[in-house]
Amino acid sequence: MITARGRVPHGAGVGNFMVGRTVRGLVPVLLLAGALTGCSSESGDGTGTDGRPGGGAAAGSTAGKTAAKGGAVGGAGSGCELRVTFDVAKHWRAKAVAVDTDSEFAALARQGPVSMVCEIDAKPAGHIGFLRVWQGDGKGSTPRQALEGFVKADEDASRITYSRTTVGKLSVAEAGYTVHSKIMDESRPARAFAVATPDGPVVVHLGGLDSQEHRGMLPAYELAKRSVRLG
């Protein structure tokens, strides 16, 4: 069984999970939520080239702006204990995601080389979407390798671009791409960044219900990226 001390593991504000509730009775919700985010555990055929992160309509006037800080996540008592720490936008709420690896639905919380461990909900700030944190066991992988594995595992990802930056002494790989929703019959932008830690890679992903929501949440994503540090 997959449980979460927060929202639906895959999706953008679709439904709620309470601690210990089984996913079995909520499969239709998960399937819809998965379609909204375009997440998949299967290998994709997207290819990327170095350059400025893409994501189509995500650029706009909010690109590069950071949100007001409302706290930090990653440390004890922050909602999610992670391998990294980063600042969280004001009113966003972090909750840990617990996964029962023996469940037939465990794959829903895994994408490529990483598994979901935390959701940071934008709903209290007026947006429909999440920053999701994923962690993996590949201690020898670079940020770019981990990020490529994550993005390419989304079979609906396209127009992928990769870039690299440095935050403090930490190397950060970033991807911008487009995800096509078959249910919504539309494409929307997504972004993710990855870092390497002594215990394995960490990926932070931003989706959103649609292009407008994604655009409105970009400053919170930028705040997280520009403040990330080892926990």
C-alpha atoms as a PDB file:
ATOM      1  CA  MET A   1       0.000   0.000   0.000  1.00  0.00           C
ATOM      2  CA  ILE A   2       1.076   3.551  -0.632  1.00  0.00           C
ATOM      3  CA  THR A   3       0.279   6.028   2.063  1.00  0.00           C
ATOM      4  CA  ALA A   4       1.118   9.673   2.443  1.00  0.00           C
ATOM      5  CA  ARG A   5       1.087  12.117   5.269  1.00  0.00           C
ATOM      6  CA  GLY A   6      -0.151  14.645   2.735  1.00  0.00           C
ATOM      7  CA  ARG A   7      -1.729  14.827  -0.721  1.00  0.00           C
ATOM      8  CA  VAL A   8      -2.088  12.365  -3.573  1.00  0.00           C
ATOM      9  CA  PRO A   9       1.406  11.077  -4.507  1.00  0.00           C
ATOM     10  CA  HIS A  10       0.918  11.726  -8.213  1.00  0.00           C
ATOM     11  CA  GLY A  11      -1.138  14.622  -9.494  1.00  0.00           C
ATOM     12  CA  ALA A  12      -1.784  18.259  -9.028  1.00  0.00           C
ATOM     13  CA  GLY A  13      -4.231  18.743  -6.207  1.00  0.00           C
ATOM     14  CA  VAL A  14      -6.452  15.746  -7.047  1.00  0.00           C
ATOM     15  CA  GLY A  15      -7.830  14.187  -3.853  1.00  0.00           C
ATOM     16  CA  ASN A  16      -6.315  13.577  -0.414  1.00  0.00           C
ATOM     17  CA  PHE A  17      -4.730  10.654   1.390  1.00  0.00           C
ATOM     18  CA  MET A  18      -5.013  10.171   5.142  1.00  0.00           C
ATOM     19  CA  VAL A  19      -2.372   8.241   7.062  1.00  0.00           C
ATOM     20  CA  GLY A  20      -2.769   4.516   6.590  1.00  0.00           C
ATOM     21  CA  ARG A  21      -5.448   4.696   3.905  1.00  0.00           C
ATOM     22  CA  THR A  22      -5.077   2.167   1.142  1.00  0.00           C
ATOM     23  CA  VAL A  23      -4.650   3.228  -2.457  1.00  0.00           C
ATOM     24  CA  ARG A  24      -6.636   0.266  -3.724  1.00  0.00           C
ATOM     25  CA  GLY A  25      -9.971   2.046  -3.447  1.00  0.00           C
ATOM     26  CA  LEU A  26      -8.568   5.192  -5.028  1.00  0.00           C
ATOM     27  CA  VAL A  27      -6.982   3.766  -8.157  1.00  0.00           C
ATOM     28  CA  PRO A  28      -9.144   5.900 -10.507  1.00  0.00           C
ATOM     29  CA  VAL A  29      -8.007   9.034  -8.674  1.00  0.00           C
ATOM     30  CA  LEU A  30      -4.377   8.002  -8.937  1.00  0.00           C
ATOM     31  CA  LEU A  31      -4.712   7.220 -12.618  1.00  0.00           C
ATOM     32  CA  LEU A  32      -6.199  10.640 -13.266  1.00  0.00           C
ATOM     33  CA  ALA A  33      -3.571  12.294 -11.104  1.00  0.00           C
ATOM     34  CA  GLY A  34      -0.799  10.445 -12.898  1.00  0.00           C
ATOM     35  CA  ALA A  35      -2.174  11.651 -16.198  1.00  0.00           C
ATOM     36  CA  LEU A  36      -2.250  15.225 -14.944  1.00  0.00           C
ATOM     37  CA  THR A  37       1.454  15.119 -14.076  1.00  0.00           C
ATOM     38  CA  GLY A  38       2.548  12.804 -16.885  1.00  0.00           C
ATOM     39  CA  CYS A  39       4.574  10.693 -14.440  1.00  0.00           C
ATOM     40  CA  SER A  40       5.512   7.179 -15.478  1.00  0.00           C
ATOM     41  CA  SER A  41       7.894   4.478 -14.336  1.00  0.00           C
ATOM     42  CA  GLU A  42       8.512   3.347 -17.904  1.00  0.00           C
ATOM     43  CA  SER A  43      11.387   4.481 -20.073  1.00  0.00           C
ATOM     44  CA  GLY A  44      10.677   7.422 -22.320  1.00  0.00           C
ATOM     45  CA  ASP A  45      12.054   8.364 -25.699  1.00  0.00           C
ATOM     46  CA  GLY A  46      12.794  12.024 -24.943  1.00  0.00           C
ATOM     47  CA  THR A  47      16.234  13.307 -25.766  1.00  0.00           C
ATOM     48  CA  GLY A  48      17.844  16.437 -24.448  1.00  0.00           C
ATOM     49  CA  THR A  49      20.557  18.848 -25.403  1.00  0.00           C
ATOM     50  CA  ASP A  50      22.449  21.307 -23.283  1.00  0.00           C
ATOM     51  CA  GLY A  51      20.945  24.751 -23.202  1.00  0.00           C
ATOM     52  CA  ARG A  52      18.604  27.015 -21.355  1.00  0.00           C
ATOM     53  CA  PRO A  53      15.859  25.062 -19.569  1.00  0.00           C
ATOM     54  CA  GLY A  54      12.775  24.842 -21.720  1.00  0.00           C
ATOM     55  CA  GLY A  55       9.231  24.095 -20.696  1.00  0.00           C
ATOM     56  CA  GLY A  56       7.421  26.068 -23.359  1.00  0.00           C
ATOM     57  CA  ALA A  57       5.079  28.604 -21.799  1.00  0.00           C
ATOM     58  CA  ALA A  58       6.838  28.334 -18.440  1.00  0.00           C
ATOM     59  CA  ALA A  59       9.276  31.089 -19.300  1.00  0.00           C
ATOM     60  CA  GLY A  60       7.167  34.240 -19.221  1.00  0.00           C
ATOM     61  CA  SER A  61       7.510  37.094 -16.771  1.00  0.00           C
ATOM     62  CA  THR A  62       8.082  34.898 -13.690  1.00  0.00           C
ATOM     63  CA  ALA A  63      11.186  33.148 -15.043  1.00  0.00           C
ATOM     64  CA  GLY A  64      14.173  33.760 -12.787  1.00  0.00           C
ATOM     65  CA  LYS A  65      12.158  35.411  -9.996  1.00  0.00           C
ATOM     66  CA  THR A  66      12.178  33.948  -6.495  1.00  0.00           C
ATOM     67  CA  ALA A  67       9.313  33.833  -4.013  1.00  0.00           C
ATOM     68  CA  ALA A  68       9.341  35.201  -0.493  1.00  0.00           C
ATOM     69  CA  LYS A  69      10.814  32.685   1.935  1.00  0.00           C
ATOM     70  CA  GLY A  70       8.414  31.113   4.387  1.00  0.00           C
ATOM     71  CA  GLY A  71      10.744  28.576   5.965  1.00  0.00           C
ATOM     72  CA  ALA A  72      12.977  25.671   5.004  1.00  0.00           C
ATOM     73  CA  VAL A  73      12.489  21.959   4.425  1.00  0.00           C
ATOM     74  CA  GLY A  74      14.861  19.042   4.876  1.00  0.00           C
ATOM     75  CA  GLY A  75      15.774  19.213   8.527  1.00  0.00           C
ATOM     76  CA  ALA A  76      14.144  17.599  11.546  1.00  0.00           C
ATOM     77  CA  GLY A  77      10.701  19.033  12.230  1.00  0.00           C
ATOM     78  CA  SER A  78      10.400  20.629   8.787  1.00  0.00           C
ATOM     79  CA  GLY A  79       7.750  18.248   7.478  1.00  0.00           C
ATOM     80  CA  CYS A  80      10.237  16.216   5.422  1.00  0.00           C
ATOM     81  CA  GLU A  81      13.658  15.017   6.562  1.00  0.00           C
ATOM     82  CA  LEU A  82      15.809  14.973   3.431  1.00  0.00           C
ATOM     83  CA  ARG A  83      19.411  14.649   2.283  1.00  0.00           C
ATOM     84  CA  VAL A  84      19.321  18.301   1.306  1.00  0.00           C
ATOM     85  CA  THR A  85      17.809  21.460   2.741  1.00  0.00           C
ATOM     86  CA  PHE A  86      16.236  24.295   0.758  1.00  0.00           C
ATOM     87  CA  ASP A  87      14.015  27.294   1.343  1.00  0.00           C
ATOM     88  CA  VAL A  88      10.259  26.999   0.865  1.00  0.00           C
ATOM     89  CA  ALA A  89       7.997  29.770  -0.373  1.00  0.00           C
ATOM     90  CA  LYS A  90       5.638  31.451   2.054  1.00  0.00           C
ATOM     91  CA  HIS A  91       2.464  29.439   2.789  1.00  0.00           C
ATOM     92  CA  TRP A  92       3.676  26.306   0.963  1.00  0.00           C
ATOM     93  CA  ARG A  93       3.311  23.210   3.169  1.00  0.00           C
ATOM     94  CA  ALA A  94       5.652  20.203   3.193  1.00  0.00           C
ATOM     95  CA  LYS A  95       4.525  16.697   4.091  1.00  0.00           C
ATOM     96  CA  ALA A  96       6.445  13.428   3.889  1.00  0.00           C
ATOM     97  CA  VAL A  97       5.319  10.614   1.586  1.00  0.00           C
ATOM     98  CA  ALA A  98       5.504   7.061   2.913  1.00  0.00           C
ATOM     99  CA  VAL A  99       5.642   4.171   0.452  1.00  0.00           C
ATOM    100  CA  ASP A 100       4.962   0.495   1.132  1.00  0.00           C
ATOM    101  CA  THR A 101       7.440  -1.134  -1.230  1.00  0.00           C
ATOM    102  CA  ASP A 102       5.508  -4.428  -1.178  1.00  0.00           C
ATOM    103  CA  SER A 103       2.422  -2.841  -2.703  1.00  0.00           C
ATOM    104  CA  GLU A 104       1.516  -3.437  -6.330  1.00  0.00           C
ATOM    105  CA  PHE A 105       1.129   0.342  -6.581  1.00  0.00           C
ATOM    106  CA  ALA A 106       4.622   1.178  -5.302  1.00  0.00           C
ATOM    107  CA  ALA A 107       5.751   1.957  -8.858  1.00  0.00           C
ATOM    108  CA  LEU A 108       3.472   5.000  -8.816  1.00  0.00           C
ATOM    109  CA  ALA A 109       5.844   6.635  -6.347  1.00  0.00           C
ATOM    110  CA  ARG A 110       8.976   5.808  -8.320  1.00  0.00           C
ATOM    111  CA  GLN A 111      10.251   7.469 -11.492  1.00  0.00           C
ATOM    112  CA  GLY A 112      13.475   6.296 -13.071  1.00  0.00           C
ATOM    113  CA  PRO A 113      16.240   6.024 -10.433  1.00  0.00           C
ATOM    114  CA  VAL A 114      14.405   7.883  -7.647  1.00  0.00           C
ATOM    115  CA  SER A 115      11.413   7.508  -5.321  1.00  0.00           C
ATOM    116  CA  MET A 116       9.098  10.220  -4.020  1.00  0.00           C
ATOM    117  CA  VAL A 117       9.717  11.161  -0.397  1.00  0.00           C
ATOM    118  CA  CYS A 118       8.144  14.593   0.025  1.00  0.00           C
ATOM    119  CA  GLU A 119       5.398  16.830  -1.348  1.00  0.00           C
ATOM    120  CA  ILE A 120       5.323  20.587  -0.835  1.00  0.00           C
ATOM    121  CA  ASP A 121       1.772  21.736  -1.481  1.00  0.00           C
ATOM    122  CA  ALA A 122       1.134  25.097  -3.152  1.00  0.00           C
ATOM    123  CA  LYS A 123      -2.589  25.118  -2.418  1.00  0.00           C
ATOM    124  CA  PRO A 124      -2.310  27.239   0.774  1.00  0.00           C
ATOM    125  CA  ALA A 125      -0.483  29.818  -1.368  1.00  0.00           C
ATOM    126  CA  GLY A 126      -3.275  29.863  -3.941  1.00  0.00           C
ATOM    127  CA  HIS A 127      -1.877  27.531  -6.609  1.00  0.00           C
ATOM    128  CA  ILE A 128      -2.728  24.010  -7.746  1.00  0.00           C
ATOM    129  CA  GLY A 129       0.461  21.992  -7.787  1.00  0.00           C
ATOM    130  CA  PHE A 130       3.392  20.661  -5.826  1.00  0.00           C
ATOM    131  CA  LEU A 131       7.126  20.726  -5.513  1.00  0.00           C
ATOM    132  CA  ARG A 132       7.967  17.043  -5.165  1.00  0.00           C
ATOM    133  CA  VAL A 133      11.222  15.679  -3.809  1.00  0.00           C
ATOM    134  CA  TRP A 134      12.582  12.342  -5.002  1.00  0.00           C
ATOM    135  CA  GLN A 135      15.623  10.453  -3.675  1.00  0.00           C
ATOM    136  CA  GLY A 136      17.635   7.560  -5.081  1.00  0.00           C
ATOM    137  CA  ASP A 137      20.321   5.087  -4.070  1.00  0.00           C
ATOM    138  CA  GLY A 138      22.787   5.672  -6.926  1.00  0.00           C
ATOM    139  CA  LYS A 139      25.659   7.056  -4.868  1.00  0.00           C
ATOM    140  CA  GLY A 140      28.005   7.151  -7.854  1.00  0.00           C
ATOM    141  CA  SER A 141      25.665   8.972 -10.223  1.00  0.00           C
ATOM    142  CA  THR A 142      26.133  12.591 -11.216  1.00  0.00           C
ATOM    143  CA  PRO A 143      23.289  15.129 -10.951  1.00  0.00           C
ATOM    144  CA  ARG A 144      22.908  15.064 -14.748  1.00  0.00           C
ATOM    145  CA  GLN A 145      22.714  11.265 -14.864  1.00  0.00           C
ATOM    146  CA  ALA A 146      20.072  11.155 -12.141  1.00  0.00           C
ATOM    147  CA  LEU A 147      18.064  13.919 -13.790  1.00  0.00           C
ATOM    148  CA  GLU A 148      18.191  12.293 -17.224  1.00  0.00           C
ATOM    149  CA  GLY A 149      16.978   9.025 -15.714  1.00  0.00           C
ATOM    150  CA  PHE A 150      14.106  10.826 -14.014  1.00  0.00           C
ATOM    151  CA  VAL A 151      12.952  12.837 -17.031  1.00  0.00           C
ATOM    152  CA  LYS A 152      13.333  10.057 -19.585  1.00  0.00           C
ATOM    153  CA  ALA A 153      11.226   7.759 -17.390  1.00  0.00           C
ATOM    154  CA  ASP A 154       8.290  10.033 -18.201  1.00  0.00           C
ATOM    155  CA  GLU A 155       7.004   8.662 -21.488  1.00  0.00           C
ATOM    156  CA  ASP A 156       5.075  11.880 -22.176  1.00  0.00           C
ATOM    157  CA  ALA A 157       8.082  14.207 -21.852  1.00  0.00           C
ATOM    158  CA  SER A 158       9.379  16.060 -24.911  1.00  0.00           C
ATOM    159  CA  ARG A 159      11.323  19.187 -25.862  1.00  0.00           C
ATOM    160  CA  ILE A 160      13.804  18.437 -23.081  1.00  0.00           C
ATOM    161  CA  THR A 161      16.705  20.779 -22.419  1.00  0.00           C
ATOM    162  CA  TYR A 162      19.397  20.464 -19.763  1.00  0.00           C
ATOM    163  CA  SER A 163      21.651  22.994 -18.095  1.00  0.00           C
ATOM    164  CA  ARG A 164      24.068  23.111 -15.184  1.00  0.00           C
ATOM    165  CA  THR A 165      24.720  25.680 -12.502  1.00  0.00           C
ATOM    166  CA  THR A 166      26.487  25.941  -9.155  1.00  0.00           C
ATOM    167  CA  VAL A 167      24.857  26.866  -5.861  1.00  0.00           C
ATOM    168  CA  GLY A 168      27.581  27.532  -3.332  1.00  0.00           C
ATOM    169  CA  LYS A 169      29.881  24.566  -3.901  1.00  0.00           C
ATOM    170  CA  LEU A 170      27.038  22.300  -5.005  1.00  0.00           C
ATOM    171  CA  SER A 171      26.671  21.325  -8.668  1.00  0.00           C
ATOM    172  CA  VAL A 172      23.046  21.496  -9.820  1.00  0.00           C
ATOM    173  CA  ALA A 173      21.676  19.971 -13.037  1.00  0.00           C
ATOM    174  CA  GLU A 174      18.376  21.339 -14.338  1.00  0.00           C
ATOM    175  CA  ALA A 175      15.885  20.198 -16.956  1.00  0.00           C
ATOM    176  CA  GLY A 176      13.027  22.057 -18.599  1.00  0.00           C
ATOM    177  CA  TYR A 177      10.598  20.063 -20.696  1.00  0.00           C
ATOM    178  CA  THR A 178       7.035  19.699 -21.915  1.00  0.00           C
ATOM    179  CA  VAL A 179       4.577  17.043 -20.777  1.00  0.00           C
ATOM    180  CA  HIS A 180       1.543  16.046 -22.820  1.00  0.00           C
ATOM    181  CA  SER A 181      -1.585  14.956 -20.962  1.00  0.00           C
ATOM    182  CA  LYS A 182      -3.693  12.479 -22.915  1.00  0.00           C
ATOM    183  CA  ILE A 183      -6.706  13.036 -20.661  1.00  0.00           C
ATOM    184  CA  MET A 184      -6.551  16.843 -20.781  1.00  0.00           C
ATOM    185  CA  ASP A 185      -5.387  16.714 -24.412  1.00  0.00           C
ATOM    186  CA  GLU A 186      -2.903  19.505 -23.840  1.00  0.00           C
ATOM    187  CA  SER A 187       0.766  20.051 -23.175  1.00  0.00           C
ATOM    188  CA  ARG A 188       2.223  21.956 -20.271  1.00  0.00           C
ATOM    189  CA  PRO A 189       5.699  22.743 -18.943  1.00  0.00           C
ATOM    190  CA  ALA A 190       7.627  20.985 -16.200  1.00  0.00           C
ATOM    191  CA  ARG A 191      10.958  21.627 -14.527  1.00  0.00           C
ATOM    192  CA  ALA A 192      13.260  19.664 -12.281  1.00  0.00           C
ATOM    193  CA  PHE A 193      16.696  20.007 -10.772  1.00  0.00           C
ATOM    194  CA  ALA A 194      19.004  17.409  -9.278  1.00  0.00           C
ATOM    195  CA  VAL A 195      21.984  17.330  -6.942  1.00  0.00           C
ATOM    196  CA  ALA A 196      24.278  14.561  -5.771  1.00  0.00           C
ATOM    197  CA  THR A 197      24.734  13.776  -2.079  1.00  0.00           C
ATOM    198  CA  PRO A 198      26.918  11.216  -0.267  1.00  0.00           C
ATOM    199  CA  ASP A 199      23.807   9.042   0.136  1.00  0.00           C
ATOM    200  CA  GLY A 200      22.538   9.317  -3.425  1.00  0.00           C
ATOM    201  CA  PRO A 201      20.840  11.776  -5.792  1.00  0.00           C
ATOM    202  CA  VAL A 202      17.984  14.134  -4.970  1.00  0.00           C
ATOM    203  CA  VAL A 203      15.564  15.435  -7.609  1.00  0.00           C
ATOM    204  CA  VAL A 204      13.158  18.332  -7.021  1.00  0.00           C
ATOM    205  CA  HIS A 205      10.326  18.543  -9.566  1.00  0.00           C
ATOM    206  CA  LEU A 206       7.714  21.179 -10.343  1.00  0.00           C
ATOM    207  CA  GLY A 207       4.675  20.326 -12.440  1.00  0.00           C
ATOM    208  CA  GLY A 208       1.317  22.044 -12.109  1.00  0.00           C
ATOM    209  CA  LEU A 209      -2.263  21.615 -13.232  1.00  0.00           C
ATOM    210  CA  ASP A 210      -1.657  23.644 -16.401  1.00  0.00           C
ATOM    211  CA  SER A 211       0.740  26.153 -17.933  1.00  0.00           C
ATOM    212  CA  GLN A 212      -0.701  29.076 -15.985  1.00  0.00           C
ATOM    213  CA  GLU A 213      -0.379  27.319 -12.630  1.00  0.00           C
ATOM    214  CA  HIS A 214       3.144  26.199 -13.492  1.00  0.00           C
ATOM    215  CA  ARG A 215       4.126  29.737 -14.399  1.00  0.00           C
ATOM    216  CA  GLY A 216       2.719  31.071 -11.130  1.00  0.00           C
ATOM    217  CA  MET A 217       4.715  28.536  -9.108  1.00  0.00           C
ATOM    218  CA  LEU A 218       8.059  29.094 -10.832  1.00  0.00           C
ATOM    219  CA  PRO A 219       9.270  31.663  -8.237  1.00  0.00           C
ATOM    220  CA  ALA A 220       8.861  29.019  -5.502  1.00  0.00           C
ATOM    221  CA  TYR A 221      10.826  26.544  -7.607  1.00  0.00           C
ATOM    222  CA  GLU A 222      13.576  29.114  -8.190  1.00  0.00           C
ATOM    223  CA  LEU A 223      13.747  29.806  -4.451  1.00  0.00           C
ATOM    224  CA  ALA A 224      14.263  26.093  -3.798  1.00  0.00           C
ATOM    225  CA  LYS A 225      16.912  25.743  -6.507  1.00  0.00           C
ATOM    226  CA  ARG A 226      18.912  28.806  -5.494  1.00  0.00           C
ATOM    227  CA  SER A 227      18.942  27.871  -1.806  1.00  0.00           C
ATOM    228  CA  VAL A 228      19.596  24.120  -2.004  1.00  0.00           C
ATOM    229  CA  ARG A 229      22.408  22.830   0.195  1.00  0.00           C
ATOM    230  CA  LEU A 230      23.426  19.514   1.705  1.00  0.00           C
ATOM    231  CA  GLY A 231      21.341  18.657   4.760  1.00  0.00           C
END
